[in-house]
Amino acid sequence: MTVLAAGDVSPGLLGFTVVALIGVALYLLIKSMNKQMSKIKVPHAADKDDTKAE
């Protein structure tokens, strides 16, 4: 049976790849969210006053 010291174990290439993919996915999700949020038109108080005057 092989016994490893505490410093001998590392996440390796697989761990780095998983974290990198999560980072890329997060970037793409935030980019998409900002695009969708910019499409939303929020009524302002000045717009409400104009509709009441008519």
Protein backbone atom coordinates (compact mmCIF):
# COMPACT_ATOMS: atom_id res chain seq x y z
CA MET A 1 0.00 0.00 0.00
CA THR A 2 1.40 3.39 -1.01
CA VAL A 3 1.14 6.23 1.50
CA LEU A 4 1.29 9.75 0.11
CA ALA A 5 2.43 12.79 2.03
CA ALA A 6 0.05 15.74 2.38
CA GLY A 7 1.92 17.81 -0.23
CA ASP A 8 2.07 15.05 -2.86
CA VAL A 9 -1.59 15.24 -3.93
CA SER A 10 -2.74 17.95 -6.34
CA PRO A 11 -5.87 18.53 -8.44
CA GLY A 12 -3.87 18.15 -11.64
CA LEU A 13 -4.95 18.88 -15.19
CA LEU A 14 -8.52 17.67 -14.69
CA GLY A 15 -9.11 20.02 -11.77
CA PHE A 16 -7.70 22.97 -13.70
CA THR A 17 -9.83 22.12 -16.74
CA VAL A 18 -13.04 21.94 -14.68
CA VAL A 19 -12.35 25.28 -12.99
CA ALA A 20 -11.42 26.90 -16.33
CA LEU A 21 -14.63 25.64 -17.96
CA ILE A 22 -16.72 26.95 -15.06
CA GLY A 23 -15.00 30.33 -15.45
CA VAL A 24 -15.71 30.44 -19.20
CA ALA A 25 -19.34 29.45 -18.63
CA LEU A 26 -19.71 32.17 -15.98
CA TYR A 27 -18.26 34.77 -18.35
CA LEU A 28 -20.67 33.77 -21.14
CA LEU A 29 -23.67 33.77 -18.78
CA ILE A 30 -22.84 37.26 -17.46
CA LYS A 31 -22.35 38.54 -21.01
CA SER A 32 -25.73 37.09 -22.06
CA MET A 33 -27.43 38.50 -18.93
CA ASN A 34 -26.11 42.00 -19.65
CA LYS A 35 -27.40 41.74 -23.22
CA GLN A 36 -30.87 40.71 -22.01
CA MET A 37 -30.94 43.39 -19.28
CA SER A 38 -30.15 46.11 -21.82
CA LYS A 39 -33.28 45.12 -23.79
CA ILE A 40 -35.59 45.84 -20.83
CA LYS A 41 -37.35 49.19 -21.02
CA VAL A 42 -38.12 50.59 -17.57
CA PRO A 43 -40.79 53.28 -17.37
CA HIS A 44 -39.54 56.45 -15.70
CA ALA A 45 -41.50 58.88 -13.53
CA ALA A 46 -41.41 61.51 -16.30
CA ASP A 47 -43.03 59.05 -18.71
CA LYS A 48 -45.87 58.39 -16.25
CA ASP A 49 -46.60 62.13 -15.93
CA ASP A 50 -46.86 62.47 -19.72
CA THR A 51 -49.46 59.71 -19.98
CA LYS A 52 -51.62 61.25 -17.23
CA ALA A 53 -51.62 64.64 -18.95
CA GLU A 54 -53.14 63.15 -22.10
